PDB file of N, CA and C in Angstrom:
ATOM      1  N   UNK A   1     -22.597  55.465 -61.388  1.00  0.00           N
ATOM      2  CA  UNK A   1     -23.863  55.562 -60.719  1.00  0.00           C
ATOM      3  C   UNK A   1     -23.690  55.632 -59.208  1.00  0.00           C
ATOM      4  N   UNK A   2     -22.742  54.866 -58.686  1.00  0.00           N
ATOM      5  CA  UNK A   2     -22.468  54.890 -57.256  1.00  0.00           C
ATOM      6  C   UNK A   2     -21.943  56.270 -56.856  1.00  0.00           C
ATOM      7  N   UNK A   3     -21.065  56.831 -57.672  1.00  0.00           N
ATOM      8  CA  UNK A   3     -20.510  58.154 -57.380  1.00  0.00           C
ATOM      9  C   UNK A   3     -21.611  59.214 -57.378  1.00  0.00           C
ATOM     10  N   UNK A   4     -22.540  59.126 -58.300  1.00  0.00           N
ATOM     11  CA  UNK A   4     -23.645  60.092 -58.340  1.00  0.00           C
ATOM     12  C   UNK A   4     -24.507  59.969 -57.085  1.00  0.00           C
ATOM     13  N   UNK A   5     -24.757  58.755 -56.632  1.00  0.00           N
ATOM     14  CA  UNK A   5     -25.533  58.556 -55.415  1.00  0.00           C
ATOM     15  C   UNK A   5     -24.801  59.119 -54.202  1.00  0.00           C
ATOM     16  N   UNK A   6     -23.493  58.933 -54.150  1.00  0.00           N
ATOM     17  CA  UNK A   6     -22.714  59.457 -53.031  1.00  0.00           C
ATOM     18  C   UNK A   6     -22.710  60.986 -53.048  1.00  0.00           C
ATOM     19  N   UNK A   7     -22.595  61.585 -54.223  1.00  0.00           N
ATOM     20  CA  UNK A   7     -22.685  63.043 -54.299  1.00  0.00           C
ATOM     21  C   UNK A   7     -24.061  63.521 -53.853  1.00  0.00           C
ATOM     22  N   UNK A   8     -25.105  62.790 -54.232  1.00  0.00           N
ATOM     23  CA  UNK A   8     -26.453  63.131 -53.803  1.00  0.00           C
ATOM     24  C   UNK A   8     -26.562  63.060 -52.281  1.00  0.00           C
ATOM     25  N   UNK A   9     -25.996  62.038 -51.668  1.00  0.00           N
ATOM     26  CA  UNK A   9     -26.007  61.931 -50.211  1.00  0.00           C
ATOM     27  C   UNK A   9     -25.319  63.127 -49.560  1.00  0.00           C
ATOM     28  N   UNK A  10     -24.235  63.585 -50.157  1.00  0.00           N
ATOM     29  CA  UNK A  10     -23.530  64.743 -49.596  1.00  0.00           C
ATOM     30  C   UNK A  10     -24.333  66.027 -49.755  1.00  0.00           C
ATOM     31  N   UNK A  11     -25.046  66.142 -50.840  1.00  0.00           N
ATOM     32  CA  UNK A  11     -25.902  67.324 -51.007  1.00  0.00           C
ATOM     33  C   UNK A  11     -27.016  67.307 -49.967  1.00  0.00           C
ATOM     34  N   UNK A  12     -27.616  66.152 -49.751  1.00  0.00           N
ATOM     35  CA  UNK A  12     -28.653  66.032 -48.728  1.00  0.00           C
ATOM     36  C   UNK A  12     -28.065  66.322 -47.344  1.00  0.00           C
ATOM     37  N   UNK A  13     -26.866  65.843 -47.084  1.00  0.00           N
ATOM     38  CA  UNK A  13     -26.213  66.110 -45.807  1.00  0.00           C
ATOM     39  C   UNK A  13     -25.909  67.582 -45.608  1.00  0.00           C
ATOM     40  N   UNK A  14     -25.501  68.257 -46.665  1.00  0.00           N
ATOM     41  CA  UNK A  14     -25.226  69.690 -46.566  1.00  0.00           C
ATOM     42  C   UNK A  14     -26.513  70.477 -46.318  1.00  0.00           C
ATOM     43  N   UNK A  15     -27.593  70.078 -46.968  1.00  0.00           N
ATOM     44  CA  UNK A  15     -28.888  70.740 -46.733  1.00  0.00           C
ATOM     45  C   UNK A  15     -29.347  70.495 -45.298  1.00  0.00           C
ATOM     46  N   UNK A  16     -29.155  69.281 -44.803  1.00  0.00           N
ATOM     47  CA  UNK A  16     -29.511  68.981 -43.416  1.00  0.00           C
ATOM     48  C   UNK A  16     -28.678  69.819 -42.451  1.00  0.00           C
ATOM     49  N   UNK A  17     -27.367  69.904 -42.688  1.00  0.00           N
ATOM     50  CA  UNK A  17     -26.514  70.706 -41.815  1.00  0.00           C
ATOM     51  C   UNK A  17     -26.926  72.173 -41.846  1.00  0.00           C
ATOM     52  N   UNK A  18     -27.282  72.670 -43.023  1.00  0.00           N
ATOM     53  CA  UNK A  18     -27.716  74.059 -43.142  1.00  0.00           C
ATOM     54  C   UNK A  18     -28.999  74.288 -42.349  1.00  0.00           C
ATOM     55  N   UNK A  19     -29.987  73.432 -42.570  1.00  0.00           N
ATOM     56  CA  UNK A  19     -31.280  73.638 -41.905  1.00  0.00           C
ATOM     57  C   UNK A  19     -31.176  73.421 -40.400  1.00  0.00           C
ATOM     58  N   UNK A  20     -30.393  72.450 -39.969  1.00  0.00           N
ATOM     59  CA  UNK A  20     -30.210  72.189 -38.540  1.00  0.00           C
ATOM     60  C   UNK A  20     -29.552  73.383 -37.859  1.00  0.00           C
ATOM     61  N   UNK A  21     -28.496  73.905 -38.462  1.00  0.00           N
ATOM     62  CA  UNK A  21     -27.792  75.038 -37.870  1.00  0.00           C
ATOM     63  C   UNK A  21     -28.630  76.310 -37.927  1.00  0.00           C
ATOM     64  N   UNK A  22     -29.390  76.464 -38.988  1.00  0.00           N
ATOM     65  CA  UNK A  22     -30.242  77.645 -39.098  1.00  0.00           C
ATOM     66  C   UNK A  22     -31.356  77.624 -38.045  1.00  0.00           C
ATOM     67  N   UNK A  23     -31.932  76.462 -37.806  1.00  0.00           N
ATOM     68  CA  UNK A  23     -33.000  76.369 -36.803  1.00  0.00           C
ATOM     69  C   UNK A  23     -32.463  76.514 -35.383  1.00  0.00           C
ATOM     70  N   UNK A  24     -31.285  75.983 -35.119  1.00  0.00           N
ATOM     71  CA  UNK A  24     -30.740  76.019 -33.763  1.00  0.00           C
ATOM     72  C   UNK A  24     -30.001  77.321 -33.457  1.00  0.00           C
ATOM     73  N   UNK A  25     -29.434  77.957 -34.456  1.00  0.00           N
ATOM     74  CA  UNK A  25     -28.607  79.132 -34.212  1.00  0.00           C
ATOM     75  C   UNK A  25     -29.069  80.290 -35.086  1.00  0.00           C
ATOM     76  N   UNK A  26     -28.244  80.624 -36.088  1.00  0.00           N
ATOM     77  CA  UNK A  26     -28.585  81.734 -36.979  1.00  0.00           C
ATOM     78  C   UNK A  26     -28.050  81.449 -38.372  1.00  0.00           C
ATOM     79  N   UNK A  27     -28.289  82.366 -39.283  1.00  0.00           N
ATOM     80  CA  UNK A  27     -27.942  82.157 -40.691  1.00  0.00           C
ATOM     81  C   UNK A  27     -26.438  82.007 -40.902  1.00  0.00           C
ATOM     82  N   UNK A  28     -25.655  82.784 -40.197  1.00  0.00           N
ATOM     83  CA  UNK A  28     -24.192  82.690 -40.334  1.00  0.00           C
ATOM     84  C   UNK A  28     -23.668  81.320 -39.944  1.00  0.00           C
ATOM     85  N   UNK A  29     -24.233  80.754 -38.887  1.00  0.00           N
ATOM     86  CA  UNK A  29     -23.828  79.410 -38.475  1.00  0.00           C
ATOM     87  C   UNK A  29     -24.237  78.360 -39.497  1.00  0.00           C
ATOM     88  N   UNK A  30     -25.344  78.589 -40.172  1.00  0.00           N
ATOM     89  CA  UNK A  30     -25.792  77.640 -41.193  1.00  0.00           C
ATOM     90  C   UNK A  30     -24.806  77.597 -42.359  1.00  0.00           C
ATOM     91  N   UNK A  31     -24.353  78.776 -42.800  1.00  0.00           N
ATOM     92  CA  UNK A  31     -23.363  78.800 -43.880  1.00  0.00           C
ATOM     93  C   UNK A  31     -22.026  78.220 -43.429  1.00  0.00           C
ATOM     94  N   UNK A  32     -21.672  78.423 -42.171  1.00  0.00           N
ATOM     95  CA  UNK A  32     -20.431  77.829 -41.653  1.00  0.00           C
ATOM     96  C   UNK A  32     -20.530  76.307 -41.610  1.00  0.00           C
ATOM     97  N   UNK A  33     -21.709  75.774 -41.302  1.00  0.00           N
ATOM     98  CA  UNK A  33     -21.901  74.325 -41.276  1.00  0.00           C
ATOM     99  C   UNK A  33     -21.743  73.737 -42.672  1.00  0.00           C
ATOM    100  N   UNK A  34     -22.298  74.425 -43.680  1.00  0.00           N
ATOM    101  CA  UNK A  34     -22.155  73.949 -45.060  1.00  0.00           C
ATOM    102  C   UNK A  34     -20.690  74.023 -45.493  1.00  0.00           C
ATOM    103  N   UNK A  35     -19.998  75.085 -45.107  1.00  0.00           N
ATOM    104  CA  UNK A  35     -18.570  75.198 -45.431  1.00  0.00           C
ATOM    105  C   UNK A  35     -17.774  74.085 -44.748  1.00  0.00           C
ATOM    106  N   UNK A  36     -18.129  73.767 -43.509  1.00  0.00           N
ATOM    107  CA  UNK A  36     -17.451  72.690 -42.789  1.00  0.00           C
ATOM    108  C   UNK A  36     -17.652  71.350 -43.491  1.00  0.00           C
ATOM    109  N   UNK A  37     -18.886  71.067 -43.898  1.00  0.00           N
ATOM    110  CA  UNK A  37     -19.173  69.823 -44.628  1.00  0.00           C
ATOM    111  C   UNK A  37     -18.382  69.793 -45.933  1.00  0.00           C
ATOM    112  N   UNK A  38     -18.322  70.917 -46.631  1.00  0.00           N
ATOM    113  CA  UNK A  38     -17.579  70.983 -47.890  1.00  0.00           C
ATOM    114  C   UNK A  38     -16.089  70.766 -47.711  1.00  0.00           C
ATOM    115  N   UNK A  39     -15.527  71.367 -46.683  1.00  0.00           N
ATOM    116  CA  UNK A  39     -14.086  71.204 -46.426  1.00  0.00           C
ATOM    117  C   UNK A  39     -13.772  69.772 -46.026  1.00  0.00           C
ATOM    118  N   UNK A  40     -14.574  69.204 -45.137  1.00  0.00           N
ATOM    119  CA  UNK A  40     -14.351  67.814 -44.717  1.00  0.00           C
ATOM    120  C   UNK A  40     -14.458  66.873 -45.914  1.00  0.00           C
ATOM    121  N   UNK A  41     -15.449  67.102 -46.783  1.00  0.00           N
ATOM    122  CA  UNK A  41     -15.621  66.255 -47.956  1.00  0.00           C
ATOM    123  C   UNK A  41     -14.441  66.387 -48.919  1.00  0.00           C
ATOM    124  N   UNK A  42     -14.044  67.605 -49.231  1.00  0.00           N
ATOM    125  CA  UNK A  42     -12.983  67.788 -50.226  1.00  0.00           C
ATOM    126  C   UNK A  42     -11.632  67.293 -49.716  1.00  0.00           C
ATOM    127  N   UNK A  43     -11.300  67.594 -48.482  1.00  0.00           N
ATOM    128  CA  UNK A  43     -10.027  67.121 -47.933  1.00  0.00           C
ATOM    129  C   UNK A  43     -10.058  65.609 -47.741  1.00  0.00           C
ATOM    130  N   UNK A  44     -11.181  65.098 -47.244  1.00  0.00           N
ATOM    131  CA  UNK A  44     -11.286  63.647 -47.060  1.00  0.00           C
ATOM    132  C   UNK A  44     -11.197  62.889 -48.361  1.00  0.00           C
ATOM    133  N   UNK A  45     -11.841  63.408 -49.402  1.00  0.00           N
ATOM    134  CA  UNK A  45     -11.783  62.739 -50.704  1.00  0.00           C
ATOM    135  C   UNK A  45     -10.370  62.774 -51.272  1.00  0.00           C
ATOM    136  N   UNK A  46      -9.684  63.875 -51.088  1.00  0.00           N
ATOM    137  CA  UNK A  46      -8.305  63.977 -51.575  1.00  0.00           C
ATOM    138  C   UNK A  46      -7.399  62.975 -50.877  1.00  0.00           C
ATOM    139  N   UNK A  47      -7.500  62.887 -49.568  1.00  0.00           N
ATOM    140  CA  UNK A  47      -6.655  61.957 -48.815  1.00  0.00           C
ATOM    141  C   UNK A  47      -7.030  60.512 -49.131  1.00  0.00           C
ATOM    142  N   UNK A  48      -8.331  60.226 -49.209  1.00  0.00           N
ATOM    143  CA  UNK A  48      -8.765  58.858 -49.521  1.00  0.00           C
ATOM    144  C   UNK A  48      -8.315  58.449 -50.920  1.00  0.00           C
ATOM    145  N   UNK A  49      -8.403  59.363 -51.884  1.00  0.00           N
ATOM    146  CA  UNK A  49      -7.947  59.044 -53.246  1.00  0.00           C
ATOM    147  C   UNK A  49      -6.449  58.787 -53.277  1.00  0.00           C
ATOM    148  N   UNK A  50      -5.703  59.554 -52.503  1.00  0.00           N
ATOM    149  CA  UNK A  50      -4.252  59.367 -52.424  1.00  0.00           C
ATOM    150  C   UNK A  50      -3.915  57.977 -51.892  1.00  0.00           C
ATOM    151  N   UNK A  51      -4.613  57.549 -50.843  1.00  0.00           N
ATOM    152  CA  UNK A  51      -4.358  56.235 -50.243  1.00  0.00           C
ATOM    153  C   UNK A  51      -4.831  55.117 -51.161  1.00  0.00           C
ATOM    154  N   UNK A  52      -6.005  55.275 -51.760  1.00  0.00           N
ATOM    155  CA  UNK A  52      -6.569  54.219 -52.613  1.00  0.00           C
ATOM    156  C   UNK A  52      -5.695  54.007 -53.846  1.00  0.00           C
ATOM    157  N   UNK A  53      -5.172  55.056 -54.409  1.00  0.00           N
ATOM    158  CA  UNK A  53      -4.361  54.900 -55.627  1.00  0.00           C
ATOM    159  C   UNK A  53      -3.043  54.196 -55.368  1.00  0.00           C
ATOM    160  N   UNK A  54      -2.597  54.166 -54.098  1.00  0.00           N
ATOM    161  CA  UNK A  54      -1.407  53.397 -53.762  1.00  0.00           C
ATOM    162  C   UNK A  54      -1.719  51.924 -53.529  1.00  0.00           C
ATOM    163  N   UNK A  55      -2.938  51.611 -53.150  1.00  0.00           N
ATOM    164  CA  UNK A  55      -3.255  50.237 -52.757  1.00  0.00           C
ATOM    165  C   UNK A  55      -4.082  49.460 -53.778  1.00  0.00           C
ATOM    166  N   UNK A  56      -4.756  50.141 -54.684  1.00  0.00           N
ATOM    167  CA  UNK A  56      -5.659  49.490 -55.635  1.00  0.00           C
ATOM    168  C   UNK A  56      -5.099  49.675 -57.044  1.00  0.00           C
ATOM    169  N   UNK A  57      -5.282  48.693 -57.924  1.00  0.00           N
ATOM    170  CA  UNK A  57      -4.841  48.868 -59.313  1.00  0.00           C
ATOM    171  C   UNK A  57      -5.504  50.093 -59.957  1.00  0.00           C
ATOM    172  N   UNK A  58      -4.878  50.694 -60.964  1.00  0.00           N
ATOM    173  CA  UNK A  58      -5.406  51.927 -61.564  1.00  0.00           C
ATOM    174  C   UNK A  58      -6.815  51.798 -62.137  1.00  0.00           C
ATOM    175  N   UNK A  59      -7.175  50.635 -62.637  1.00  0.00           N
ATOM    176  CA  UNK A  59      -8.502  50.451 -63.228  1.00  0.00           C
ATOM    177  C   UNK A  59      -9.546  50.078 -62.188  1.00  0.00           C
ATOM    178  N   UNK A  60      -9.141  49.822 -60.944  1.00  0.00           N
ATOM    179  CA  UNK A  60     -10.080  49.439 -59.892  1.00  0.00           C
ATOM    180  C   UNK A  60     -10.345  47.955 -59.918  1.00  0.00           C
ATOM    181  N   UNK A  61     -11.432  47.545 -59.302  1.00  0.00           N
ATOM    182  CA  UNK A  61     -11.786  46.125 -59.251  1.00  0.00           C
ATOM    183  C   UNK A  61     -12.770  45.733 -60.344  1.00  0.00           C
ATOM    184  N   UNK A  62     -13.714  46.576 -60.606  1.00  0.00           N
ATOM    185  CA  UNK A  62     -14.728  46.356 -61.646  1.00  0.00           C
ATOM    186  C   UNK A  62     -14.907  47.668 -62.396  1.00  0.00           C
ATOM    187  N   UNK A  63     -15.582  47.657 -63.542  1.00  0.00           N
ATOM    188  CA  UNK A  63     -15.820  48.926 -64.246  1.00  0.00           C
ATOM    189  C   UNK A  63     -16.646  49.923 -63.428  1.00  0.00           C
ATOM    190  N   UNK A  64     -17.526  49.433 -62.581  1.00  0.00           N
ATOM    191  CA  UNK A  64     -18.353  50.319 -61.770  1.00  0.00           C
ATOM    192  C   UNK A  64     -17.726  50.616 -60.416  1.00  0.00           C
ATOM    193  N   UNK A  65     -16.572  50.009 -60.109  1.00  0.00           N
ATOM    194  CA  UNK A  65     -15.892  50.204 -58.833  1.00  0.00           C
ATOM    195  C   UNK A  65     -14.440  50.603 -59.086  1.00  0.00           C
ATOM    196  N   UNK A  66     -14.272  51.797 -59.652  1.00  0.00           N
ATOM    197  CA  UNK A  66     -12.917  52.288 -59.932  1.00  0.00           C
ATOM    198  C   UNK A  66     -12.352  52.973 -58.688  1.00  0.00           C
ATOM    199  N   UNK A  67     -11.173  53.550 -58.817  1.00  0.00           N
ATOM    200  CA  UNK A  67     -10.501  54.130 -57.660  1.00  0.00           C
ATOM    201  C   UNK A  67     -11.237  55.345 -57.108  1.00  0.00           C
ATOM    202  N   UNK A  68     -11.826  56.158 -57.974  1.00  0.00           N
ATOM    203  CA  UNK A  68     -12.574  57.317 -57.474  1.00  0.00           C
ATOM    204  C   UNK A  68     -13.803  56.894 -56.681  1.00  0.00           C
ATOM    205  N   UNK A  69     -14.496  55.885 -57.156  1.00  0.00           N
ATOM    206  CA  UNK A  69     -15.677  55.401 -56.432  1.00  0.00           C
ATOM    207  C   UNK A  69     -15.277  54.796 -55.099  1.00  0.00           C
ATOM    208  N   UNK A  70     -14.189  54.057 -55.079  1.00  0.00           N
ATOM    209  CA  UNK A  70     -13.705  53.496 -53.822  1.00  0.00           C
ATOM    210  C   UNK A  70     -13.340  54.585 -52.826  1.00  0.00           C
ATOM    211  N   UNK A  71     -12.659  55.620 -53.301  1.00  0.00           N
ATOM    212  CA  UNK A  71     -12.295  56.699 -52.385  1.00  0.00           C
ATOM    213  C   UNK A  71     -13.524  57.450 -51.892  1.00  0.00           C
ATOM    214  N   UNK A  72     -14.542  57.604 -52.735  1.00  0.00           N
ATOM    215  CA  UNK A  72     -15.788  58.233 -52.292  1.00  0.00           C
ATOM    216  C   UNK A  72     -16.503  57.384 -51.252  1.00  0.00           C
ATOM    217  N   UNK A  73     -16.483  56.073 -51.422  1.00  0.00           N
ATOM    218  CA  UNK A  73     -17.101  55.178 -50.443  1.00  0.00           C
ATOM    219  C   UNK A  73     -16.377  55.279 -49.104  1.00  0.00           C
ATOM    220  N   UNK A  74     -15.062  55.294 -49.147  1.00  0.00           N
ATOM    221  CA  UNK A  74     -14.278  55.389 -47.917  1.00  0.00           C
ATOM    222  C   UNK A  74     -14.546  56.706 -47.201  1.00  0.00           C
ATOM    223  N   UNK A  75     -14.537  57.815 -47.936  1.00  0.00           N
ATOM    224  CA  UNK A  75     -14.760  59.111 -47.295  1.00  0.00           C
ATOM    225  C   UNK A  75     -16.182  59.219 -46.766  1.00  0.00           C
ATOM    226  N   UNK A  76     -17.152  58.610 -47.426  1.00  0.00           N
ATOM    227  CA  UNK A  76     -18.529  58.640 -46.932  1.00  0.00           C
ATOM    228  C   UNK A  76     -18.670  57.855 -45.639  1.00  0.00           C
ATOM    229  N   UNK A  77     -18.025  56.716 -45.544  1.00  0.00           N
ATOM    230  CA  UNK A  77     -18.065  55.926 -44.311  1.00  0.00           C
ATOM    231  C   UNK A  77     -17.405  56.697 -43.169  1.00  0.00           C
ATOM    232  N   UNK A  78     -16.249  57.286 -43.430  1.00  0.00           N
ATOM    233  CA  UNK A  78     -15.565  58.047 -42.390  1.00  0.00           C
ATOM    234  C   UNK A  78     -16.358  59.282 -41.973  1.00  0.00           C
ATOM    235  N   UNK A  79     -17.008  59.942 -42.929  1.00  0.00           N
ATOM    236  CA  UNK A  79     -17.843  61.092 -42.593  1.00  0.00           C
ATOM    237  C   UNK A  79     -19.052  60.671 -41.777  1.00  0.00           C
ATOM    238  N   UNK A  80     -19.632  59.535 -42.088  1.00  0.00           N
ATOM    239  CA  UNK A  80     -20.781  59.048 -41.315  1.00  0.00           C
ATOM    240  C   UNK A  80     -20.387  58.811 -39.863  1.00  0.00           C
ATOM    241  N   UNK A  81     -19.211  58.250 -39.659  1.00  0.00           N
ATOM    242  CA  UNK A  81     -18.727  58.037 -38.294  1.00  0.00           C
ATOM    243  C   UNK A  81     -18.472  59.386 -37.609  1.00  0.00           C
ATOM    244  N   UNK A  82     -17.825  60.307 -38.314  1.00  0.00           N
ATOM    245  CA  UNK A  82     -17.517  61.617 -37.745  1.00  0.00           C
ATOM    246  C   UNK A  82     -18.776  62.386 -37.381  1.00  0.00           C
ATOM    247  N   UNK A  83     -19.709  62.502 -38.322  1.00  0.00           N
ATOM    248  CA  UNK A  83     -20.924  63.263 -38.060  1.00  0.00           C
ATOM    249  C   UNK A  83     -21.815  62.556 -37.042  1.00  0.00           C
ATOM    250  N   UNK A  84     -21.840  61.238 -37.067  1.00  0.00           N
ATOM    251  CA  UNK A  84     -22.625  60.501 -36.087  1.00  0.00           C
ATOM    252  C   UNK A  84     -22.133  60.729 -34.667  1.00  0.00           C
ATOM    253  N   UNK A  85     -20.835  60.680 -34.468  1.00  0.00           N
ATOM    254  CA  UNK A  85     -20.299  60.931 -33.129  1.00  0.00           C
ATOM    255  C   UNK A  85     -20.469  62.395 -32.730  1.00  0.00           C
ATOM    256  N   UNK A  86     -20.358  63.302 -33.684  1.00  0.00           N
ATOM    257  CA  UNK A  86     -20.531  64.724 -33.380  1.00  0.00           C
ATOM    258  C   UNK A  86     -21.959  65.014 -32.939  1.00  0.00           C
ATOM    259  N   UNK A  87     -22.947  64.540 -33.698  1.00  0.00           N
ATOM    260  CA  UNK A  87     -24.331  64.808 -33.344  1.00  0.00           C
ATOM    261  C   UNK A  87     -24.751  64.051 -32.089  1.00  0.00           C
ATOM    262  N   UNK A  88     -24.180  62.884 -31.850  1.00  0.00           N
ATOM    263  CA  UNK A  88     -24.479  62.152 -30.626  1.00  0.00           C
ATOM    264  C   UNK A  88     -23.925  62.909 -29.428  1.00  0.00           C
ATOM    265  N   UNK A  89     -22.713  63.429 -29.542  1.00  0.00           N
ATOM    266  CA  UNK A  89     -22.124  64.193 -28.440  1.00  0.00           C
ATOM    267  C   UNK A  89     -22.897  65.485 -28.203  1.00  0.00           C
ATOM    268  N   UNK A  90     -23.358  66.136 -29.271  1.00  0.00           N
ATOM    269  CA  UNK A  90     -24.153  67.351 -29.125  1.00  0.00           C
ATOM    270  C   UNK A  90     -25.460  67.046 -28.419  1.00  0.00           C
ATOM    271  N   UNK A  91     -26.091  65.955 -28.766  1.00  0.00           N
ATOM    272  CA  UNK A  91     -27.346  65.569 -28.139  1.00  0.00           C
ATOM    273  C   UNK A  91     -27.142  65.261 -26.661  1.00  0.00           C
ATOM    274  N   UNK A  92     -26.040  64.576 -26.322  1.00  0.00           N
ATOM    275  CA  UNK A  92     -25.769  64.257 -24.921  1.00  0.00           C
ATOM    276  C   UNK A  92     -25.491  65.514 -24.114  1.00  0.00           C
ATOM    277  N   UNK A  93     -24.728  66.468 -24.709  1.00  0.00           N
ATOM    278  CA  UNK A  93     -24.475  67.735 -24.008  1.00  0.00           C
ATOM    279  C   UNK A  93     -25.762  68.488 -23.763  1.00  0.00           C
ATOM    280  N   UNK A  94     -26.670  68.476 -24.718  1.00  0.00           N
ATOM    281  CA  UNK A  94     -27.934  69.175 -24.571  1.00  0.00           C
ATOM    282  C   UNK A  94     -28.775  68.528 -23.464  1.00  0.00           C
ATOM    283  N   UNK A  95     -28.783  67.195 -23.401  1.00  0.00           N
ATOM    284  CA  UNK A  95     -29.541  66.513 -22.352  1.00  0.00           C
ATOM    285  C   UNK A  95     -28.960  66.823 -20.981  1.00  0.00           C
ATOM    286  N   UNK A  96     -27.636  66.854 -20.876  1.00  0.00           N
ATOM    287  CA  UNK A  96     -26.999  67.165 -19.592  1.00  0.00           C
ATOM    288  C   UNK A  96     -27.319  68.582 -19.150  1.00  0.00           C
ATOM    289  N   UNK A  97     -27.313  69.519 -20.093  1.00  0.00           N
ATOM    290  CA  UNK A  97     -27.632  70.894 -19.725  1.00  0.00           C
ATOM    291  C   UNK A  97     -29.084  71.034 -19.315  1.00  0.00           C
ATOM    292  N   UNK A  98     -29.987  70.291 -19.933  1.00  0.00           N
ATOM    293  CA  UNK A  98     -31.387  70.321 -19.539  1.00  0.00           C
ATOM    294  C   UNK A  98     -31.580  69.742 -18.147  1.00  0.00           C
ATOM    295  N   UNK A  99     -30.835  68.707 -17.811  1.00  0.00           N
ATOM    296  CA  UNK A  99     -30.948  68.099 -16.499  1.00  0.00           C
ATOM    297  C   UNK A  99     -30.427  69.063 -15.437  1.00  0.00           C
ATOM    298  N   UNK A 100     -29.307  69.730 -15.679  1.00  0.00           N
ATOM    299  CA  UNK A 100     -28.751  70.648 -14.693  1.00  0.00           C
ATOM    300  C   UNK A 100     -29.604  71.903 -14.540  1.00  0.00           C
ATOM    301  N   UNK A 101     -30.277  72.340 -15.610  1.00  0.00           N
ATOM    302  CA  UNK A 101     -31.157  73.490 -15.508  1.00  0.00           C
ATOM    303  C   UNK A 101     -32.411  73.164 -14.700  1.00  0.00           C
ATOM    304  N   UNK A 102     -32.887  71.926 -14.791  1.00  0.00           N
ATOM    305  CA  UNK A 102     -34.071  71.522 -14.058  1.00  0.00           C
ATOM    306  C   UNK A 102     -33.768  71.280 -12.583  1.00  0.00           C
ATOM    307  N   UNK A 103     -32.493  71.047 -12.301  1.00  0.00           N
ATOM    308  CA  UNK A 103     -32.100  70.772 -10.919  1.00  0.00           C
ATOM    309  C   UNK A 103     -32.263  69.325 -10.520  1.00  0.00           C
ATOM    310  N   UNK A 104     -32.522  68.472 -11.474  1.00  0.00           N
ATOM    311  CA  UNK A 104     -32.662  67.046 -11.167  1.00  0.00           C
ATOM    312  C   UNK A 104     -31.470  66.275 -11.598  1.00  0.00           C
TER     313      UNK A 104
END
């Protein structure tokens, strides 16, 4: 159930990235944003699963918290940090450009 919720969060994130890029730029950039989210998710999940399987027993901690769920939780936390810093930096760059265009 946790894994399904995490996949749902990623689908919502991909839709957000698509709509954000489509509104700010163009259709090609929207598809590139979805591809970027997909690549980050797939590579991150692979690396997280590799690390978790070395550190956690094969059956996990509980029946609902197995190694795949743990690796999905780890990759979701890391993606939240990555996307949060990316969008924060984009917002700050936009504010700086607005200030310099106004001359203030």
